[in-house]
């Protein structure tokens, strides 16, 4: 019945042209749209609860409000009886084989299911531990890279202080060289001025000595022998008078 309804709906959609085109465009736009940026929910580590090995617990919880506690069992029993009465499912030798295989499977699950589950859990834990180790290593590497990048940014921010210090050092070196050259020029000028002063003093002393010698020479030349004798007698008398007073 459901297959016939699906075929009829497909035929009706095929006959209606604009609606099918719009539906096709809607499907294309839906599939080509931007993916949702919502976080993907994590996958559950364990499966949901089941009853009788294959029937999920949600099936019973879905039927409980409508049919009560016995509803799911009555639904399964009625469905099995319907399949058998309408000969949709015919019991033959394959049914016996399926029952035997199902019995062996149930026995194997009951007997070795816990051991296999423990082994599978161990393998899963090892895989999770390896994946976590790889993740931790990658996270640590990325954190170290972030720390290194932060340190490099801090160093880059401090470079202008270093450049300013270097500029100040260069300016101080230039200033010290300039002052050394000024001092050298001052010393050289002082030496030349001292030389000129010494030269003037020497010239003045030579002129004074020459003037004294010239005056003495002219005075000596102007003294006659009689004046020299009178002067000697006067000096002799003066010495005698001074000795007599004493």
Protein backbone atom coordinates (compact mmCIF):
# COMPACT_ATOMS: atom_id res chain seq x y z
CA UNK A 1 0.00 0.00 0.00
CA UNK A 2 2.77 2.41 0.90
CA UNK A 3 4.60 1.63 -2.34
CA UNK A 4 1.49 2.37 -4.37
CA UNK A 5 1.03 5.70 -2.58
CA UNK A 6 4.66 6.59 -3.27
CA UNK A 7 4.29 5.74 -6.97
CA UNK A 8 1.08 7.78 -7.27
CA UNK A 9 2.68 10.81 -5.57
CA UNK A 10 5.72 10.57 -7.85
CA UNK A 11 3.49 10.44 -10.94
CA UNK A 12 1.50 13.47 -9.78
CA UNK A 13 4.70 15.42 -9.12
CA UNK A 14 5.99 14.47 -12.56
CA UNK A 15 2.79 15.71 -14.22
CA UNK A 16 2.93 19.09 -12.40
CA UNK A 17 5.78 20.87 -14.15
CA UNK A 18 6.27 24.20 -12.31
CA UNK A 19 5.91 22.61 -8.90
CA UNK A 20 8.50 19.95 -9.71
CA UNK A 21 10.90 22.59 -11.05
CA UNK A 22 10.44 24.65 -7.90
CA UNK A 23 10.97 21.58 -5.78
CA UNK A 24 14.14 20.76 -7.71
CA UNK A 25 15.44 24.31 -7.25
CA UNK A 26 14.57 24.16 -3.56
CA UNK A 27 16.46 20.89 -3.21
CA UNK A 28 19.47 22.31 -5.03
CA UNK A 29 19.47 25.47 -2.94
CA UNK A 30 19.14 23.36 0.17
CA UNK A 31 22.11 21.18 -0.75
CA UNK A 32 24.28 24.08 -1.96
CA UNK A 33 23.57 26.35 0.99
CA UNK A 34 26.21 27.32 3.51
CA UNK A 35 26.73 24.73 6.23
CA UNK A 36 25.44 25.54 9.66
CA UNK A 37 27.99 27.01 12.04
CA UNK A 38 26.40 25.34 15.07
CA UNK A 39 28.71 22.99 16.98
CA UNK A 40 28.34 19.32 16.12
CA UNK A 41 27.07 17.30 19.10
CA UNK A 42 29.58 14.73 20.32
CA UNK A 43 29.02 11.10 19.42
CA UNK A 44 27.87 8.89 22.30
CA UNK A 45 30.48 6.48 23.59
CA UNK A 46 27.87 3.76 24.27
CA UNK A 47 24.75 2.72 22.38
CA UNK A 48 21.22 3.08 23.71
CA UNK A 49 19.43 0.51 25.76
CA UNK A 50 17.72 -2.38 23.98
CA UNK A 51 15.35 -5.17 24.96
CA UNK A 52 15.63 -8.78 23.82
CA UNK A 53 18.94 -7.93 22.16
CA UNK A 54 17.63 -5.99 19.12
CA UNK A 55 14.54 -3.93 20.03
CA UNK A 56 15.45 -0.38 21.18
CA UNK A 57 14.05 0.99 24.42
CA UNK A 58 12.67 4.05 22.63
CA UNK A 59 10.14 1.82 20.80
CA UNK A 60 8.62 0.71 24.08
CA UNK A 61 8.67 4.23 25.52
CA UNK A 62 6.91 5.49 22.38
CA UNK A 63 4.07 2.95 22.68
CA UNK A 64 3.60 3.06 26.45
CA UNK A 65 1.43 6.26 26.53
CA UNK A 66 -0.89 4.91 23.78
CA UNK A 67 -1.05 1.16 24.37
CA UNK A 68 0.18 0.60 27.91
CA UNK A 69 2.82 -1.83 29.09
CA UNK A 70 1.59 -4.80 27.02
CA UNK A 71 1.16 -2.76 23.86
CA UNK A 72 4.58 -3.38 22.29
CA UNK A 73 4.33 -7.13 22.92
CA UNK A 74 0.83 -7.28 21.51
CA UNK A 75 1.97 -5.30 18.49
CA UNK A 76 4.83 -7.73 17.87
CA UNK A 77 2.61 -10.77 18.37
CA UNK A 78 -0.10 -9.40 16.10
CA UNK A 79 2.42 -8.51 13.42
CA UNK A 80 3.91 -12.03 13.53
CA UNK A 81 0.48 -13.65 13.36
CA UNK A 82 -0.49 -11.35 10.46
CA UNK A 83 2.64 -12.30 8.51
CA UNK A 84 2.00 -16.00 9.13
CA UNK A 85 -1.75 -15.90 8.41
CA UNK A 86 -1.37 -13.98 5.17
CA UNK A 87 1.53 -16.28 4.21
CA UNK A 88 3.78 -13.26 3.78
CA UNK A 89 6.33 -15.24 5.74
CA UNK A 90 6.22 -19.01 5.10
CA UNK A 91 7.80 -21.40 7.59
CA UNK A 92 10.21 -23.78 5.83
CA UNK A 93 13.65 -25.29 6.35
CA UNK A 94 15.25 -21.84 6.23
CA UNK A 95 13.25 -20.93 9.30
CA UNK A 96 14.81 -23.83 11.20
CA UNK A 97 18.28 -22.78 10.02
CA UNK A 98 17.60 -19.16 11.03
CA UNK A 99 16.36 -20.32 14.45
CA UNK A 100 19.47 -22.47 14.90
CA UNK A 101 21.77 -19.68 13.87
CA UNK A 102 19.93 -17.23 16.10
CA UNK A 103 20.22 -19.66 19.01
CA UNK A 104 23.96 -20.05 18.43
CA UNK A 105 24.35 -16.29 18.22
CA UNK A 106 22.42 -15.74 21.42
CA UNK A 107 24.45 -18.41 23.17
CA UNK A 108 27.69 -16.86 21.91
CA UNK A 109 26.62 -13.41 23.03
CA UNK A 110 25.58 -14.65 26.45
CA UNK A 111 28.73 -16.76 26.86
CA UNK A 112 31.44 -14.60 25.35
CA UNK A 113 29.72 -11.24 25.04
CA UNK A 114 31.22 -9.80 28.24
CA UNK A 115 34.77 -10.88 27.31
CA UNK A 116 34.44 -9.56 23.76
CA UNK A 117 32.96 -6.32 25.11
CA UNK A 118 35.83 -5.95 27.59
CA UNK A 119 38.37 -6.60 24.82
CA UNK A 120 36.62 -4.12 22.54
CA UNK A 121 36.49 -1.56 25.35
CA UNK A 122 40.21 -2.08 25.95
CA UNK A 123 40.99 -1.54 22.28
CA UNK A 124 38.74 1.50 22.27
CA UNK A 125 40.44 2.92 25.37
CA UNK A 126 43.86 2.38 23.76
CA UNK A 127 42.73 4.15 20.61
CA UNK A 128 41.20 6.97 22.66
CA UNK A 129 44.42 7.23 24.73
CA UNK A 130 46.54 7.40 21.55
CA UNK A 131 44.22 9.97 20.04
CA UNK A 132 44.25 11.98 23.27
CA UNK A 133 48.05 11.79 23.36
CA UNK A 134 48.24 13.06 19.78
CA UNK A 135 45.72 15.77 20.64
CA UNK A 136 47.65 16.80 23.75
CA UNK A 137 50.88 16.89 21.77
CA UNK A 138 49.27 19.04 19.09
CA UNK A 139 47.72 21.33 21.72
CA UNK A 140 51.05 21.66 23.53
CA UNK A 141 52.82 22.39 20.25
CA UNK A 142 50.23 25.02 19.36
CA UNK A 143 50.44 26.56 22.84
CA UNK A 144 54.22 26.68 22.54
CA UNK A 145 53.87 28.27 19.12
CA UNK A 146 51.46 30.84 20.57
CA UNK A 147 53.88 31.56 23.42
CA UNK A 148 56.77 31.92 20.97
CA UNK A 149 54.69 34.21 18.78
CA UNK A 150 53.71 36.28 21.81
CA UNK A 151 57.36 36.50 22.85
CA UNK A 152 58.39 37.55 19.34
CA UNK A 153 55.67 40.20 19.32
CA UNK A 154 56.93 41.43 22.70
CA UNK A 155 60.46 41.56 21.31
CA UNK A 156 59.23 43.38 18.23
CA UNK A 157 57.44 45.90 20.44
CA UNK A 158 60.67 46.43 22.43
CA UNK A 159 62.78 46.96 19.30
CA UNK A 160 62.01 50.67 19.15
CA UNK A 161 63.43 51.04 22.68
CA UNK A 162 66.60 49.33 21.50
CA UNK A 163 66.75 51.54 18.41
CA UNK A 164 66.25 54.65 20.56
CA UNK A 165 69.08 53.52 22.86
CA UNK A 166 71.33 52.93 19.85
CA UNK A 167 70.43 56.35 18.45
CA UNK A 168 71.23 57.93 21.82
CA UNK A 169 74.55 56.05 21.94
CA UNK A 170 75.46 57.25 18.45
CA UNK A 171 74.45 60.80 19.35
CA UNK A 172 76.57 60.64 22.53
CA UNK A 173 79.55 59.30 20.56
CA UNK A 174 79.19 62.10 18.01
CA UNK A 175 78.85 64.67 20.80
CA UNK A 176 81.94 63.32 22.58
CA UNK A 177 83.94 63.40 19.32
CA UNK A 178 82.76 66.94 18.69
CA UNK A 179 83.78 68.04 22.18
CA UNK A 180 87.14 66.28 21.84
CA UNK A 181 87.78 68.17 18.60
CA UNK A 182 86.69 71.43 20.26
CA UNK A 183 89.11 70.75 23.11
CA UNK A 184 91.88 69.96 20.64
CA UNK A 185 91.19 73.19 18.75
CA UNK A 186 91.09 75.14 22.04
CA UNK A 187 94.44 73.65 23.12
CA UNK A 188 96.05 74.39 19.78
CA UNK A 189 94.76 77.99 19.82
CA UNK A 190 95.96 78.37 23.43
CA UNK A 191 99.41 77.08 22.44
CA UNK A 192 99.62 79.58 19.62
CA UNK A 193 98.43 82.43 21.87
CA UNK A 194 100.95 81.39 24.55
CA UNK A 195 103.62 81.39 21.89
CA UNK A 196 102.66 84.88 20.79
CA UNK A 197 102.60 86.11 24.43
CA UNK A 198 105.99 84.51 25.12
CA UNK A 199 107.32 86.05 21.92
CA UNK A 200 106.05 89.51 22.96
CA UNK A 201 107.56 89.10 26.46
CA UNK A 202 110.88 88.08 24.96
CA UNK A 203 110.83 91.01 22.57
CA UNK A 204 109.98 93.42 25.39
CA UNK A 205 112.74 92.02 27.61
CA UNK A 206 115.26 92.27 24.81
CA UNK A 207 114.21 95.85 24.15
CA UNK A 208 114.55 96.68 27.85
CA UNK A 209 117.98 95.06 28.04
CA UNK A 210 119.06 96.87 24.92
CA UNK A 211 117.73 100.16 26.30
CA UNK A 212 119.54 99.65 29.64
CA UNK A 213 122.78 98.73 27.92
CA UNK A 214 122.49 101.73 25.64
CA UNK A 215 121.80 104.13 28.54
CA UNK A 216 124.65 102.69 30.61
CA UNK A 217 127.00 102.88 27.69
CA UNK A 218 126.09 106.49 26.94
CA UNK A 219 126.41 107.48 30.63
CA UNK A 220 129.79 105.81 30.92
CA UNK A 221 130.97 107.51 27.78
CA UNK A 222 129.78 110.92 29.05
CA UNK A 223 131.82 110.70 32.35
CA UNK A 224 135.29 112.45 32.21
CA UNK A 225 138.35 111.34 34.29
CA UNK A 226 138.12 114.44 36.56
CA UNK A 227 134.47 113.74 37.28
CA UNK A 228 135.37 110.18 38.09
CA UNK A 229 138.07 111.34 40.54
CA UNK A 230 135.72 113.83 42.23
CA UNK A 231 133.10 111.22 42.56
CA UNK A 232 135.55 108.78 44.14
CA UNK A 233 136.73 111.42 46.66
CA UNK A 234 133.13 112.25 47.58
CA UNK A 235 132.34 108.64 48.18
CA UNK A 236 135.52 108.30 50.32
CA UNK A 237 134.54 111.24 52.48
CA UNK A 238 131.09 109.98 52.94
CA UNK A 239 132.44 106.64 54.17
CA UNK A 240 134.78 108.38 56.65
CA UNK A 241 132.03 110.60 58.06
CA UNK A 242 129.79 107.66 58.59
CA UNK A 243 132.57 105.74 60.38
CA UNK A 244 133.33 108.77 62.60
CA UNK A 245 129.73 109.09 63.67
CA UNK A 246 129.68 105.49 64.67
